[in-house]
């Protein structure tokens, strides 16, 4: 018995080529090249969704450190002081405060200094 796959194959190819629309040259026109590139692209996308979280955390720490040093503290002492003072703000919020509200960040720094000196 012979099984014809014309319609099924065309649908599968069209679905994959639709995903490969932004690719360059034959990687968007030829099924095999598009499939190879799409597999690689999906691996990159998966990996970089995780890497993005790391990169943002590093950026927030750099910003908090810069603002803490403007207030005569290191990053680690600042974070330790916040923990001792029972202030539970995450790094994203602290970095935003450091950039957009330096006066409120300075009050946090003085609170952290006071908590460490106790």
C-alpha atoms as a PDB file:
ATOM      1  CA  UNK A   1       0.000   0.000   0.000  1.00  0.00           C
ATOM      2  CA  UNK A   2       1.343   3.428  -0.936  1.00  0.00           C
ATOM      3  CA  UNK A   3       0.877   6.435   1.365  1.00  0.00           C
ATOM      4  CA  UNK A   4       0.958   9.802  -0.342  1.00  0.00           C
ATOM      5  CA  UNK A   5       2.156  12.664   1.857  1.00  0.00           C
ATOM      6  CA  UNK A   6       1.686  15.599  -0.490  1.00  0.00           C
ATOM      7  CA  UNK A   7      -0.756  17.652   1.584  1.00  0.00           C
ATOM      8  CA  UNK A   8       0.785  16.758   4.951  1.00  0.00           C
ATOM      9  CA  UNK A   9       4.320  17.492   3.768  1.00  0.00           C
ATOM     10  CA  UNK A  10       3.328  20.789   2.204  1.00  0.00           C
ATOM     11  CA  UNK A  11       1.619  21.915   5.408  1.00  0.00           C
ATOM     12  CA  UNK A  12       4.634  20.917   7.498  1.00  0.00           C
ATOM     13  CA  UNK A  13       7.016  22.714   5.159  1.00  0.00           C
ATOM     14  CA  UNK A  14       4.872  25.832   4.988  1.00  0.00           C
ATOM     15  CA  UNK A  15       4.597  25.960   8.789  1.00  0.00           C
ATOM     16  CA  UNK A  16       8.357  25.732   9.188  1.00  0.00           C
ATOM     17  CA  UNK A  17       9.107  28.222   6.403  1.00  0.00           C
ATOM     18  CA  UNK A  18       6.697  30.667   8.019  1.00  0.00           C
ATOM     19  CA  UNK A  19       8.769  30.495  11.224  1.00  0.00           C
ATOM     20  CA  UNK A  20      11.929  31.106   9.159  1.00  0.00           C
ATOM     21  CA  UNK A  21      10.641  34.334   7.596  1.00  0.00           C
ATOM     22  CA  UNK A  22      13.291  36.704   8.924  1.00  0.00           C
ATOM     23  CA  UNK A  23      16.258  34.543   7.975  1.00  0.00           C
ATOM     24  CA  UNK A  24      18.804  35.445   5.318  1.00  0.00           C
ATOM     25  CA  UNK A  25      18.984  34.049   1.772  1.00  0.00           C
ATOM     26  CA  UNK A  26      18.375  30.298   1.407  1.00  0.00           C
ATOM     27  CA  UNK A  27      17.786  29.894   5.089  1.00  0.00           C
ATOM     28  CA  UNK A  28      14.296  31.221   4.577  1.00  0.00           C
ATOM     29  CA  UNK A  29      13.577  29.693   1.147  1.00  0.00           C
ATOM     30  CA  UNK A  30      14.928  26.148   1.230  1.00  0.00           C
ATOM     31  CA  UNK A  31      13.259  23.739   3.618  1.00  0.00           C
ATOM     32  CA  UNK A  32      16.335  21.846   4.774  1.00  0.00           C
ATOM     33  CA  UNK A  33      18.447  24.952   5.394  1.00  0.00           C
ATOM     34  CA  UNK A  34      15.499  26.660   7.082  1.00  0.00           C
ATOM     35  CA  UNK A  35      14.943  23.658   9.339  1.00  0.00           C
ATOM     36  CA  UNK A  36      18.620  23.501  10.350  1.00  0.00           C
ATOM     37  CA  UNK A  37      18.739  27.216  11.083  1.00  0.00           C
ATOM     38  CA  UNK A  38      15.426  27.156  12.947  1.00  0.00           C
ATOM     39  CA  UNK A  39      16.644  24.357  15.246  1.00  0.00           C
ATOM     40  CA  UNK A  40      19.769  26.373  16.034  1.00  0.00           C
ATOM     41  CA  UNK A  41      17.761  29.579  16.498  1.00  0.00           C
ATOM     42  CA  UNK A  42      15.386  27.943  18.938  1.00  0.00           C
ATOM     43  CA  UNK A  43      18.362  26.697  20.974  1.00  0.00           C
ATOM     44  CA  UNK A  44      19.743  30.243  21.086  1.00  0.00           C
ATOM     45  CA  UNK A  45      16.347  31.605  22.108  1.00  0.00           C
ATOM     46  CA  UNK A  46      16.012  29.070  24.935  1.00  0.00           C
ATOM     47  CA  UNK A  47      19.548  29.739  26.174  1.00  0.00           C
ATOM     48  CA  UNK A  48      19.258  33.505  25.987  1.00  0.00           C
ATOM     49  CA  UNK A  49      15.955  33.668  27.847  1.00  0.00           C
ATOM     50  CA  UNK A  50      17.915  32.338  30.809  1.00  0.00           C
ATOM     51  CA  UNK A  51      20.957  34.487  30.114  1.00  0.00           C
ATOM     52  CA  UNK A  52      18.777  37.615  30.058  1.00  0.00           C
ATOM     53  CA  UNK A  53      17.865  37.069  33.707  1.00  0.00           C
ATOM     54  CA  UNK A  54      21.571  36.840  34.618  1.00  0.00           C
ATOM     55  CA  UNK A  55      22.444  39.933  32.602  1.00  0.00           C
ATOM     56  CA  UNK A  56      19.743  42.063  34.196  1.00  0.00           C
ATOM     57  CA  UNK A  57      20.740  40.961  37.693  1.00  0.00           C
ATOM     58  CA  UNK A  58      24.358  41.929  36.943  1.00  0.00           C
ATOM     59  CA  UNK A  59      23.216  45.325  35.646  1.00  0.00           C
ATOM     60  CA  UNK A  60      21.121  45.965  38.757  1.00  0.00           C
ATOM     61  CA  UNK A  61      24.039  45.071  41.020  1.00  0.00           C
ATOM     62  CA  UNK A  62      26.347  47.447  39.124  1.00  0.00           C
ATOM     63  CA  UNK A  63      23.824  50.289  39.490  1.00  0.00           C
ATOM     64  CA  UNK A  64      23.230  49.624  43.190  1.00  0.00           C
ATOM     65  CA  UNK A  65      26.975  49.443  43.810  1.00  0.00           C
ATOM     66  CA  UNK A  66      27.564  52.782  42.064  1.00  0.00           C
ATOM     67  CA  UNK A  67      24.827  54.478  44.093  1.00  0.00           C
ATOM     68  CA  UNK A  68      25.985  52.873  47.337  1.00  0.00           C
ATOM     69  CA  UNK A  69      29.543  54.116  46.757  1.00  0.00           C
ATOM     70  CA  UNK A  70      28.181  57.636  46.261  1.00  0.00           C
ATOM     71  CA  UNK A  71      26.836  57.202  49.797  1.00  0.00           C
ATOM     72  CA  UNK A  72      30.189  55.952  51.154  1.00  0.00           C
ATOM     73  CA  UNK A  73      29.269  52.258  51.292  1.00  0.00           C
ATOM     74  CA  UNK A  74      30.158  49.157  49.355  1.00  0.00           C
ATOM     75  CA  UNK A  75      27.474  47.041  47.714  1.00  0.00           C
ATOM     76  CA  UNK A  76      27.871  44.148  50.129  1.00  0.00           C
ATOM     77  CA  UNK A  77      27.731  46.347  53.233  1.00  0.00           C
ATOM     78  CA  UNK A  78      24.688  48.158  51.835  1.00  0.00           C
ATOM     79  CA  UNK A  79      22.823  44.909  51.183  1.00  0.00           C
ATOM     80  CA  UNK A  80      23.847  43.530  54.583  1.00  0.00           C
ATOM     81  CA  UNK A  81      22.589  46.703  56.265  1.00  0.00           C
ATOM     82  CA  UNK A  82      19.246  46.447  54.479  1.00  0.00           C
ATOM     83  CA  UNK A  83      18.899  42.861  55.632  1.00  0.00           C
ATOM     84  CA  UNK A  84      19.666  43.813  59.236  1.00  0.00           C
ATOM     85  CA  UNK A  85      17.128  46.655  59.022  1.00  0.00           C
ATOM     86  CA  UNK A  86      14.469  44.214  57.723  1.00  0.00           C
ATOM     87  CA  UNK A  87      14.050  46.137  54.464  1.00  0.00           C
ATOM     88  CA  UNK A  88      13.002  43.649  51.807  1.00  0.00           C
ATOM     89  CA  UNK A  89      13.407  45.389  48.455  1.00  0.00           C
ATOM     90  CA  UNK A  90      14.652  43.396  45.500  1.00  0.00           C
ATOM     91  CA  UNK A  91      17.573  44.445  43.337  1.00  0.00           C
ATOM     92  CA  UNK A  92      15.348  45.571  40.472  1.00  0.00           C
ATOM     93  CA  UNK A  93      13.573  48.125  42.663  1.00  0.00           C
ATOM     94  CA  UNK A  94      16.805  49.228  44.336  1.00  0.00           C
ATOM     95  CA  UNK A  95      18.483  49.778  40.955  1.00  0.00           C
ATOM     96  CA  UNK A  96      15.496  51.801  39.769  1.00  0.00           C
ATOM     97  CA  UNK A  97      15.647  53.921  42.939  1.00  0.00           C
ATOM     98  CA  UNK A  98      19.386  54.417  42.442  1.00  0.00           C
ATOM     99  CA  UNK A  99      18.791  55.752  38.932  1.00  0.00           C
ATOM    100  CA  UNK A 100      15.562  57.722  39.318  1.00  0.00           C
ATOM    101  CA  UNK A 101      15.282  58.643  43.015  1.00  0.00           C
ATOM    102  CA  UNK A 102      18.769  59.150  44.463  1.00  0.00           C
ATOM    103  CA  UNK A 103      17.483  61.034  47.528  1.00  0.00           C
ATOM    104  CA  UNK A 104      15.293  58.116  48.636  1.00  0.00           C
ATOM    105  CA  UNK A 105      18.194  55.764  47.943  1.00  0.00           C
ATOM    106  CA  UNK A 106      20.344  57.945  50.211  1.00  0.00           C
ATOM    107  CA  UNK A 107      17.828  57.528  53.035  1.00  0.00           C
ATOM    108  CA  UNK A 108      18.007  53.771  52.542  1.00  0.00           C
ATOM    109  CA  UNK A 109      21.802  54.005  52.722  1.00  0.00           C
ATOM    110  CA  UNK A 110      21.663  55.916  56.009  1.00  0.00           C
ATOM    111  CA  UNK A 111      19.217  53.340  57.383  1.00  0.00           C
ATOM    112  CA  UNK A 112      21.561  50.534  56.318  1.00  0.00           C
ATOM    113  CA  UNK A 113      24.544  52.317  57.955  1.00  0.00           C
ATOM    114  CA  UNK A 114      22.578  52.722  61.192  1.00  0.00           C
ATOM    115  CA  UNK A 115      21.579  49.046  61.184  1.00  0.00           C
ATOM    116  CA  UNK A 116      25.205  47.941  60.743  1.00  0.00           C
ATOM    117  CA  UNK A 117      26.534  50.230  63.476  1.00  0.00           C
ATOM    118  CA  UNK A 118      24.088  48.869  66.098  1.00  0.00           C
END
